[in-house]
Amino acid sequence: MTDRYALLFERLRAEGAGAFVPFTVLGDPDPATSLEIVRTLVTAGADALELGLPFSDPVADGPTIQAADVRALAAGTRLRHAWALLHALREEFPALPIGLLVYANLVERHGAPAFYATAAAAGVDSVLVADVPTLEAPPYAAAALAAGVLPVLIATPSCSDATLREIAQLGRGYTYVVTRSGVTGADTGAPALEGALLDRLRAVGAAPALLGFGIAQPDHVRTALALGAAGAISGSAVVQRIERHLDDPSAMLQALAAFVREMKAATLRPR
């Protein structure tokens, strides 16, 4: 199995840069526009993608991303459409790490082995099941690895050392580091970035840390990298730009490209 994340992080270290990873919901605002959105994110400079499967109850997501799920579902997006979009993206961008952020109901509906096998066939590199706590993660991680998919786990500042060791043992690809309590959102205050959790993760040998929740400005990216993260994930700030331009797809794509270029520029470390 090719570990596209490992290859990405190795390349970025050699370049003296970090990773910028945008998030969006597949099928928002409709499948055809969604494909153009994701293409724009990549061509503008995204190092990897984190993508959501439309779901009615995304409990870890704030109102901005919840609205994106509603738009995607209202447009008729179903899992078969999302898998088709992923197939198209993998064919177009063969070296790009592509991760999914999903919820357990979507995995359990068809059974974990079938879900991960379908994800692997669609070209997915990793899956993060956002509402599964670390204590219940081993069966999901085992099913993912059996299908050739990397299981990604979430680390928070409140995690005990024992939990972080479990995250390091189970997780692959990258570790999703939550910068604050609560749900995602770009309008809920600056992320509470601090380096202690990153130090603890490195001490137990966890996969490289990507910081998420509230990453909305270039300064957030620069701070994350200064603390030792491998990069940053931005979701709500991306989805906001989709929502603001629903009536003007051309302006939407321009706004998304400008945002990605700005955030990617912030990942370049001074030499």
Protein backbone atom coordinates (compact mmCIF):
# COMPACT_ATOMS: atom_id res chain seq x y z
CA MET A 1 0.00 0.00 0.00
CA THR A 2 1.39 3.40 -0.99
CA ASP A 3 1.43 5.77 2.00
CA ARG A 4 0.78 9.06 0.24
CA TYR A 5 0.85 10.92 3.56
CA ALA A 6 4.36 9.69 4.37
CA LEU A 7 5.56 10.70 0.91
CA LEU A 8 3.90 14.12 1.30
CA PHE A 9 5.39 14.85 4.70
CA GLU A 10 8.82 13.70 3.54
CA ARG A 11 8.67 16.04 0.55
CA LEU A 12 7.43 18.99 2.61
CA ARG A 13 10.18 18.52 5.20
CA ALA A 14 12.75 18.61 2.42
CA GLU A 15 11.16 21.80 1.10
CA GLY A 16 11.01 23.42 4.52
CA ALA A 17 7.22 23.66 4.36
CA GLY A 18 4.13 22.43 6.11
CA ALA A 19 0.88 21.01 4.78
CA PHE A 20 -2.31 22.91 4.14
CA VAL A 21 -5.34 20.64 3.96
CA PRO A 22 -8.76 22.07 3.10
CA PHE A 23 -12.02 20.33 3.98
CA THR A 24 -15.32 20.39 2.14
CA VAL A 25 -18.43 18.24 1.98
CA LEU A 26 -18.76 16.13 -1.14
CA GLY A 27 -21.87 17.10 -3.08
CA ASP A 28 -22.08 20.65 -1.70
CA PRO A 29 -23.84 22.51 -3.24
CA ASP A 30 -24.43 19.76 -5.83
CA PRO A 31 -22.25 16.91 -7.16
CA ALA A 32 -21.11 18.62 -10.36
CA THR A 33 -20.15 21.89 -8.65
CA SER A 34 -18.55 19.94 -5.82
CA LEU A 35 -16.15 18.30 -8.26
CA GLU A 36 -15.14 21.70 -9.63
CA ILE A 37 -14.67 23.00 -6.08
CA VAL A 38 -12.34 20.17 -5.12
CA ARG A 39 -10.39 20.50 -8.35
CA THR A 40 -9.94 24.19 -7.58
CA LEU A 41 -8.70 23.47 -4.06
CA VAL A 42 -6.05 21.11 -5.41
CA THR A 43 -4.89 23.21 -8.33
CA ALA A 44 -4.63 26.26 -6.06
CA GLY A 45 -2.12 24.45 -3.86
CA ALA A 46 -3.78 22.10 -1.37
CA ASP A 47 -1.32 19.45 -0.21
CA ALA A 48 -4.02 16.94 0.66
CA LEU A 49 -7.78 16.81 1.02
CA GLU A 50 -10.11 16.03 3.88
CA LEU A 51 -13.62 15.41 2.57
CA GLY A 52 -16.92 14.81 4.27
CA LEU A 53 -19.61 12.36 3.19
CA PRO A 54 -22.99 14.12 3.43
CA PHE A 55 -24.69 13.14 6.68
CA SER A 56 -27.80 14.34 8.47
CA ASP A 57 -26.30 14.56 11.97
CA PRO A 58 -22.65 15.70 11.82
CA VAL A 59 -22.30 16.19 15.58
CA ALA A 60 -18.66 17.37 15.55
CA ASP A 61 -19.39 20.10 13.01
CA GLY A 62 -20.61 23.61 13.63
CA PRO A 63 -23.48 25.30 11.78
CA THR A 64 -21.45 26.22 8.69
CA ILE A 65 -20.53 22.62 7.84
CA GLN A 66 -23.93 21.34 8.99
CA ALA A 67 -25.48 23.66 6.39
CA ALA A 68 -23.16 22.21 3.75
CA ASP A 69 -24.40 18.70 4.60
CA VAL A 70 -27.99 19.92 4.29
CA ARG A 71 -27.29 21.49 0.88
CA ALA A 72 -25.59 18.35 -0.40
CA LEU A 73 -28.41 16.08 0.75
CA ALA A 74 -31.07 18.46 -0.61
CA ALA A 75 -29.30 18.35 -3.98
CA GLY A 76 -29.78 14.58 -4.00
CA THR A 77 -26.20 13.62 -3.12
CA ARG A 78 -26.01 10.06 -1.84
CA LEU A 79 -23.12 7.76 -1.06
CA ARG A 80 -22.98 6.47 -4.63
CA HIS A 81 -22.45 10.02 -5.86
CA ALA A 82 -19.72 10.63 -3.28
CA TRP A 83 -17.89 7.44 -4.27
CA ALA A 84 -18.10 8.47 -7.93
CA LEU A 85 -16.62 11.88 -7.11
CA LEU A 86 -13.79 10.21 -5.21
CA HIS A 87 -13.07 7.85 -8.11
CA ALA A 88 -12.83 10.86 -10.42
CA LEU A 89 -10.53 12.74 -8.06
CA ARG A 90 -8.20 9.78 -7.61
CA GLU A 91 -7.92 9.32 -11.35
CA GLU A 92 -7.15 13.01 -11.84
CA PHE A 93 -4.77 13.39 -8.88
CA PRO A 94 -3.00 10.04 -8.42
CA ALA A 95 -0.42 11.23 -5.87
CA LEU A 96 -2.72 13.37 -3.72
CA PRO A 97 -3.54 12.14 -0.18
CA ILE A 98 -7.32 11.99 0.14
CA GLY A 99 -8.95 11.50 3.52
CA LEU A 100 -12.56 11.16 4.61
CA LEU A 101 -14.11 12.53 7.79
CA VAL A 102 -17.25 10.49 8.45
CA TYR A 103 -19.61 9.39 11.19
CA ALA A 104 -20.10 5.91 12.56
CA ASN A 105 -23.63 5.48 11.18
CA LEU A 106 -22.25 5.72 7.65
CA VAL A 107 -19.68 3.04 8.40
CA GLU A 108 -22.06 0.73 10.23
CA ARG A 109 -24.91 0.99 7.74
CA HIS A 110 -23.24 -1.47 5.36
CA GLY A 111 -20.75 -2.93 7.83
CA ALA A 112 -17.23 -1.71 8.44
CA PRO A 113 -15.46 -4.22 6.12
CA ALA A 114 -17.70 -3.27 3.18
CA PHE A 115 -17.45 0.45 3.88
CA TYR A 116 -13.65 0.45 4.03
CA ALA A 117 -13.38 -1.79 0.98
CA THR A 118 -15.53 0.65 -0.99
CA ALA A 119 -13.45 3.57 0.26
CA ALA A 120 -10.24 1.83 -0.80
CA ALA A 121 -11.65 1.06 -4.23
CA ALA A 122 -12.57 4.74 -4.63
CA GLY A 123 -8.96 5.75 -3.96
CA VAL A 124 -9.36 6.95 -0.37
CA ASP A 125 -6.17 6.99 1.71
CA SER A 126 -7.57 7.53 5.20
CA VAL A 127 -10.79 7.62 7.18
CA LEU A 128 -11.45 9.50 10.41
CA VAL A 129 -14.67 8.43 12.17
CA ALA A 130 -15.37 11.59 14.12
CA ASP A 131 -17.85 10.28 16.69
CA VAL A 132 -16.01 7.10 17.67
CA PRO A 133 -13.97 7.56 20.88
CA THR A 134 -10.50 6.06 21.12
CA LEU A 135 -11.78 3.36 23.48
CA GLU A 136 -14.06 2.03 20.72
CA ALA A 137 -11.68 2.64 17.81
CA PRO A 138 -9.77 -0.70 17.57
CA PRO A 139 -12.40 -2.56 15.47
CA TYR A 140 -12.64 0.37 13.06
CA ALA A 141 -8.86 0.63 12.80
CA ALA A 142 -8.55 -3.10 12.16
CA ALA A 143 -11.23 -3.04 9.45
CA ALA A 144 -9.60 -0.02 7.81
CA LEU A 145 -6.14 -1.55 7.74
CA ALA A 146 -7.50 -4.85 6.43
CA ALA A 147 -8.89 -2.91 3.45
CA GLY A 148 -5.73 -0.89 2.90
CA VAL A 149 -7.11 2.32 4.40
CA LEU A 150 -5.28 4.32 7.08
CA PRO A 151 -7.27 4.95 10.29
CA VAL A 152 -6.93 8.53 11.57
CA LEU A 153 -7.68 9.33 15.20
CA ILE A 154 -8.40 12.58 17.03
CA ALA A 155 -6.21 13.88 19.87
CA THR A 156 -7.31 16.62 22.25
CA PRO A 157 -5.51 18.46 25.06
CA SER A 158 -7.63 16.56 27.60
CA CYS A 159 -6.37 13.13 26.45
CA SER A 160 -4.56 11.11 29.09
CA ASP A 161 -1.12 9.72 28.37
CA ALA A 162 -2.67 6.26 28.06
CA THR A 163 -5.11 7.53 25.44
CA LEU A 164 -2.33 9.20 23.48
CA ARG A 165 -0.40 5.94 23.48
CA GLU A 166 -3.49 4.19 22.09
CA ILE A 167 -3.85 6.88 19.42
CA ALA A 168 -0.21 6.40 18.47
CA GLN A 169 -0.65 2.62 18.27
CA LEU A 170 -3.86 2.67 16.24
CA GLY A 171 -3.50 5.78 14.11
CA ARG A 172 -1.84 6.01 10.73
CA GLY A 173 -1.22 8.72 8.15
CA TYR A 174 -1.69 11.71 10.42
CA THR A 175 -3.16 12.60 13.79
CA TYR A 176 -6.04 15.07 13.81
CA VAL A 177 -5.27 17.46 16.67
CA VAL A 178 -8.24 19.42 17.94
CA THR A 179 -7.18 22.89 19.03
CA ARG A 180 -10.13 23.56 21.34
CA SER A 181 -13.26 22.01 22.82
CA GLY A 182 -16.61 22.25 21.08
CA VAL A 183 -17.45 21.96 17.39
CA THR A 184 -15.80 23.17 14.22
CA GLY A 185 -16.21 26.75 13.10
CA ALA A 186 -14.28 29.72 11.80
CA ASP A 187 -16.33 32.27 13.75
CA THR A 188 -16.01 30.90 17.27
CA GLY A 189 -12.77 32.61 18.23
CA ALA A 190 -9.15 31.90 17.47
CA PRO A 191 -8.01 28.33 18.02
CA ALA A 192 -6.30 27.75 21.36
CA LEU A 193 -2.98 26.59 19.96
CA GLU A 194 -0.38 25.30 22.37
CA GLY A 195 2.58 23.01 21.98
CA ALA A 196 2.28 20.67 24.95
CA LEU A 197 -0.06 18.23 23.22
CA LEU A 198 2.19 18.09 20.16
CA ASP A 199 5.17 17.33 22.39
CA ARG A 200 3.22 14.54 24.09
CA LEU A 201 2.21 13.05 20.74
CA ARG A 202 5.78 13.06 19.48
CA ALA A 203 6.91 11.40 22.71
CA VAL A 204 4.63 8.41 22.09
CA GLY A 205 5.47 8.16 18.38
CA ALA A 206 2.11 9.25 16.99
CA ALA A 207 1.61 9.99 13.30
CA PRO A 208 2.35 13.61 12.27
CA ALA A 209 -0.06 16.16 13.70
CA LEU A 210 -2.41 18.24 11.58
CA LEU A 211 -4.22 20.90 13.58
CA GLY A 212 -7.89 21.56 13.00
CA PHE A 213 -10.97 23.38 14.39
CA GLY A 214 -10.94 27.13 13.84
CA ILE A 215 -8.06 27.31 11.38
CA ALA A 216 -9.22 30.27 9.32
CA GLN A 217 -6.31 32.67 8.82
CA PRO A 218 -2.69 32.45 7.64
CA ASP A 219 -1.50 33.35 11.15
CA HIS A 220 -3.23 30.25 12.49
CA VAL A 221 -1.23 28.13 10.04
CA ARG A 222 2.05 29.83 10.90
CA THR A 223 1.42 29.34 14.62
CA ALA A 224 0.59 25.67 14.14
CA LEU A 225 3.83 25.07 12.28
CA ALA A 226 5.86 27.07 14.80
CA LEU A 227 4.54 24.77 17.52
CA GLY A 228 5.74 21.73 15.60
CA ALA A 229 2.66 20.57 13.72
CA ALA A 230 3.12 19.08 10.27
CA GLY A 231 0.32 21.25 8.94
CA ALA A 232 -3.21 22.52 9.41
CA ILE A 233 -6.73 21.63 8.27
CA SER A 234 -9.30 24.30 7.45
CA GLY A 235 -12.95 23.41 6.96
CA SER A 236 -15.47 26.04 7.98
CA ALA A 237 -13.48 28.85 6.37
CA VAL A 238 -13.56 26.92 3.09
CA VAL A 239 -17.25 26.12 3.32
CA GLN A 240 -18.08 29.74 4.17
CA ARG A 241 -16.68 30.78 0.81
CA ILE A 242 -18.90 28.25 -0.91
CA GLU A 243 -21.96 29.49 0.96
CA ARG A 244 -21.25 33.16 0.19
CA HIS A 245 -21.20 32.56 -3.55
CA LEU A 246 -23.92 29.98 -4.14
CA ASP A 247 -25.44 32.19 -6.84
CA ASP A 248 -22.12 32.82 -8.62
CA PRO A 249 -20.03 29.65 -9.10
CA SER A 250 -17.28 31.53 -10.92
CA ALA A 251 -16.83 33.95 -8.01
CA MET A 252 -16.97 30.98 -5.62
CA LEU A 253 -14.09 29.21 -7.32
CA GLN A 254 -12.06 32.41 -7.46
CA ALA A 255 -12.59 33.02 -3.74
CA LEU A 256 -11.64 29.43 -2.89
CA ALA A 257 -8.49 29.56 -5.01
CA ALA A 258 -7.40 32.84 -3.41
CA PHE A 259 -7.96 31.43 0.08
CA VAL A 260 -5.99 28.26 -0.60
CA ARG A 261 -3.09 30.21 -2.10
CA GLU A 262 -3.01 32.51 0.92
CA MET A 263 -3.10 29.65 3.42
CA LYS A 264 -0.57 27.57 1.51
CA ALA A 265 1.83 30.51 1.41
CA ALA A 266 1.69 30.57 5.20
CA THR A 267 3.11 27.02 5.32
CA LEU A 268 6.45 28.07 3.86
CA ARG A 269 8.94 28.09 6.71
CA PRO A 270 11.65 30.77 6.73
CA ARG A 271 15.02 29.34 5.79
